[in-house]
Protein backbone atom coordinates (compact mmCIF):
# COMPACT_ATOMS: atom_id res chain seq x y z
CA MET A 1 0.09 -6.14 -10.12
CA ARG A 2 -1.64 -2.92 -9.16
CA LEU A 3 -0.87 -0.21 -11.70
CA PHE A 4 -1.69 3.36 -12.81
CA THR A 5 -0.10 5.99 -15.09
CA ALA A 6 1.17 9.31 -13.64
CA VAL A 7 3.08 12.44 -14.12
CA ILE A 8 5.72 12.72 -11.43
CA PRO A 9 6.85 16.24 -10.58
CA PRO A 10 10.52 16.98 -10.48
CA GLU A 11 12.42 17.23 -7.08
CA HIS A 12 12.50 21.07 -7.21
CA ALA A 13 8.72 21.19 -7.57
CA MET A 14 8.19 18.74 -4.87
CA ALA A 15 10.46 20.61 -2.47
CA GLU A 16 8.51 23.91 -3.06
CA LEU A 17 5.27 22.11 -2.35
CA ALA A 18 6.78 20.39 0.82
CA ASP A 19 7.73 23.76 2.17
CA ALA A 20 4.21 25.15 1.72
CA VAL A 21 2.73 21.78 3.29
CA GLY A 22 5.24 22.07 6.14
CA ALA A 23 4.13 25.55 6.95
CA LEU A 24 0.47 24.47 6.90
CA ARG A 25 1.15 21.56 9.04
CA GLY A 26 3.26 23.53 11.40
CA ARG A 27 0.40 25.84 12.22
CA GLY A 28 -1.73 22.90 13.50
CA GLY A 29 -5.36 23.33 14.51
CA PRO A 30 -8.53 21.30 14.08
CA ALA A 31 -8.25 21.22 10.27
CA VAL A 32 -4.73 19.80 10.14
CA ASP A 33 -4.52 17.75 13.32
CA GLY A 34 -5.46 14.21 12.64
CA LEU A 35 -5.00 14.16 8.89
CA ARG A 36 -3.15 11.29 7.24
CA TRP A 37 -0.47 13.03 5.16
CA THR A 38 0.95 11.52 1.97
CA GLN A 39 4.69 11.08 1.83
CA ARG A 40 6.48 13.56 -0.51
CA GLN A 41 8.17 10.44 -2.37
CA GLY A 42 4.81 9.27 -3.46
CA TRP A 43 3.48 12.52 -4.78
CA HIS A 44 2.19 12.35 -8.30
CA PHE A 45 -0.69 13.21 -10.71
CA THR A 46 -2.48 10.11 -11.56
CA LEU A 47 -3.64 9.97 -15.18
CA ALA A 48 -5.34 6.63 -15.47
CA PHE A 49 -5.93 3.82 -12.72
CA TYR A 50 -5.93 0.34 -13.91
CA GLY A 51 -6.10 -1.71 -10.81
CA GLU A 52 -4.96 -5.27 -10.61
CA VAL A 53 -3.25 -5.87 -14.16
CA PRO A 54 -2.42 -9.60 -15.02
CA ASP A 55 1.32 -10.03 -15.75
CA GLU A 56 0.50 -11.28 -19.22
CA THR A 57 -1.26 -7.90 -20.13
CA VAL A 58 1.76 -5.58 -19.00
CA PRO A 59 3.62 -5.90 -22.24
CA GLU A 60 0.68 -4.90 -24.37
CA LEU A 61 -0.30 -2.13 -22.01
CA SER A 62 3.19 -0.88 -22.16
CA GLU A 63 3.38 -0.88 -26.00
CA ARG A 64 0.06 1.17 -26.11
CA LEU A 65 1.44 3.54 -23.34
CA GLU A 66 4.51 4.01 -25.36
CA ARG A 67 2.39 4.97 -28.45
CA ALA A 68 0.33 7.28 -26.28
CA ALA A 69 3.51 9.13 -25.13
CA GLY A 70 4.67 9.20 -28.69
CA ARG A 71 1.67 11.20 -29.67
CA THR A 72 2.05 13.73 -26.97
CA ALA A 73 4.49 16.59 -26.99
CA PRO A 74 6.37 17.73 -23.89
CA PHE A 75 4.35 20.35 -21.96
CA ARG A 76 4.62 22.84 -19.18
CA LEU A 77 3.17 22.24 -15.79
CA GLY A 78 3.34 23.63 -12.45
CA LEU A 79 1.70 22.99 -8.85
CA ARG A 80 -0.71 25.59 -7.88
CA GLY A 81 -3.54 26.14 -5.34
CA GLY A 82 -5.60 23.25 -3.80
CA GLY A 83 -8.93 22.00 -3.16
CA GLN A 84 -10.83 19.07 -1.36
CA PHE A 85 -12.94 16.08 -2.24
CA GLY A 86 -15.66 14.36 -0.56
CA PRO A 87 -16.65 17.18 1.80
CA GLY A 88 -13.57 17.38 4.07
CA ARG A 89 -12.14 13.97 3.35
CA THR A 90 -9.14 14.63 0.88
CA LEU A 91 -6.91 17.63 0.61
CA TRP A 92 -4.95 18.13 -2.71
CA ALA A 93 -2.80 20.45 -4.60
CA GLY A 94 -3.82 21.48 -8.05
CA ALA A 95 -2.02 22.10 -11.34
CA ASP A 96 -1.35 25.03 -13.56
CA GLY A 97 0.14 25.21 -17.07
CA GLU A 98 -0.93 23.40 -20.15
CA ILE A 99 -3.86 21.55 -18.50
CA PRO A 100 -5.59 20.66 -21.86
CA VAL A 101 -2.47 18.69 -22.77
CA LEU A 102 -2.27 17.00 -19.37
CA ARG A 103 -6.05 16.00 -19.94
CA ARG A 104 -5.32 14.52 -23.40
CA LEU A 105 -2.35 12.44 -21.89
CA ALA A 106 -4.80 11.20 -19.23
CA GLU A 107 -7.38 10.19 -22.00
CA ARG A 108 -4.72 8.58 -24.03
CA SER A 109 -3.64 6.53 -20.94
CA LYS A 110 -7.08 5.38 -20.21
CA ALA A 111 -7.62 4.43 -23.71
CA ALA A 112 -4.42 2.45 -23.79
CA GLY A 113 -5.77 0.42 -20.86
CA ARG A 114 -9.14 -0.02 -22.40
CA ARG A 115 -7.47 -1.33 -25.63
CA ALA A 116 -5.33 -3.62 -23.62
CA GLY A 117 -8.55 -5.04 -22.14
CA LEU A 118 -8.46 -3.38 -18.81
CA ASP A 119 -11.53 -1.69 -17.07
CA THR A 120 -10.56 1.93 -16.72
CA GLY A 121 -13.99 2.84 -15.07
CA ARG A 122 -16.66 5.19 -16.25
CA HIS A 123 -15.80 8.28 -18.12
CA ARG A 124 -15.47 11.48 -16.16
CA THR A 125 -13.70 14.82 -16.67
CA TYR A 126 -10.05 14.52 -15.60
CA ASN A 127 -9.43 16.79 -12.61
CA PRO A 128 -5.72 17.01 -12.13
CA HIS A 129 -4.63 16.93 -8.41
CA LEU A 130 -1.89 15.69 -6.13
CA THR A 131 -3.24 14.13 -3.00
CA LEU A 132 -1.70 15.84 0.19
CA ALA A 133 -3.80 14.23 3.07
CA SER A 134 -7.00 12.29 3.77
CA SER A 135 -9.24 11.79 6.68
CA ARG A 136 -11.56 8.90 7.59
CA VAL A 137 -13.95 11.43 9.02
CA GLN A 138 -15.38 14.58 7.48
CA ARG A 139 -13.64 17.75 8.76
CA ASP A 140 -13.51 21.46 7.92
CA LEU A 141 -10.65 21.75 5.39
CA ASP A 142 -11.55 25.20 4.23
CA PRO A 143 -8.72 26.86 6.20
CA CYS A 144 -6.18 24.40 4.54
CA VAL A 145 -7.70 25.11 1.06
CA ALA A 146 -7.58 28.84 1.62
CA GLU A 147 -3.90 28.66 2.59
CA LEU A 148 -3.15 26.41 -0.39
CA GLU A 149 -4.79 28.89 -2.76
CA ALA A 150 -1.85 31.19 -2.30
CA PHE A 151 0.57 28.50 -3.35
CA THR A 152 2.08 28.79 -6.84
CA GLY A 153 5.09 26.69 -7.70
CA SER A 154 7.62 27.07 -10.52
CA GLU A 155 6.69 25.47 -13.83
CA TRP A 156 8.61 22.59 -15.31
CA THR A 157 8.55 20.58 -18.64
CA VAL A 158 6.63 17.29 -18.41
CA GLU A 159 8.78 14.94 -20.62
CA GLU A 160 7.65 11.47 -19.53
CA LEU A 161 4.71 9.26 -19.02
CA ALA A 162 5.27 7.01 -16.04
CA LEU A 163 3.72 3.61 -15.27
CA VAL A 164 3.67 3.13 -11.47
CA ARG A 165 3.06 -0.01 -9.36
CA SER A 166 1.14 0.56 -6.09
CA ARG A 167 1.43 -1.68 -3.09
CA LEU A 168 -1.04 -1.11 -0.42
CA PRO A 169 -0.16 -1.31 3.23
CA VAL A 170 -0.27 -4.76 4.64
CA SER A 171 1.16 -4.48 8.16
CA GLY A 172 -1.76 -2.85 9.84
CA VAL A 173 0.64 -0.30 11.37
CA PRO A 174 -1.27 2.99 11.75
CA GLY A 175 -0.19 5.64 9.46
CA GLU A 176 1.57 3.12 6.91
CA GLN A 177 1.51 4.47 3.42
CA PRO A 178 1.13 2.58 0.09
CA LYS A 179 4.46 2.10 -1.74
CA TYR A 180 4.88 3.40 -5.33
CA THR A 181 7.50 2.13 -7.68
CA LYS A 182 7.88 3.35 -11.26
CA VAL A 183 8.03 0.26 -13.46
CA GLY A 184 8.01 1.93 -16.81
CA GLY A 185 8.48 5.35 -18.41
CA TRP A 186 8.16 6.70 -21.94
CA PRO A 187 9.30 10.03 -23.36
CA LEU A 188 6.79 12.44 -24.63
CA THR A 189 7.99 12.88 -28.24
CA GLY A 190 4.80 13.83 -30.29
CA ALA A 191 3.62 17.01 -31.91
CA GLY A 192 0.65 17.34 -29.66
């Protein structure tokens, strides 16, 4: 199964962001029209992407993720601002709060995957983001980014590391979104 670890914002944080995104989308214009918007129920901060994981590897990965969560203390996080990747291809919301702790949790999640024998890709600095929309063609997303810069959501306490299964669209229906299902979760109980 196709798996990744994530921090999933609570409902109140997603509602605040949904209001900001709704206002942005409601204004329309060339930057917004034609974007493929992600669904609110799928919003998350990916920590480590594992790709296809053999069923027999999931128990070991789960044990290692439980240890990673056990070494990480709960921490404060909020949704704030935004940006873009791949000039004008992906629009995202950013994070604010205890970002160094979030980065440590991402590194621990990647290490758990490596120790379980999974290829977690090359090392690069973790950039926390929540994907809002994407485009197949390059577009000027600067107006969207500028509007998102003013957004600051309320903080919450991250208390869980989630393991999520991703099912890619198979129907070929335009606009179909991946389906995300939480398959495991471990409380953050460490001292840091």
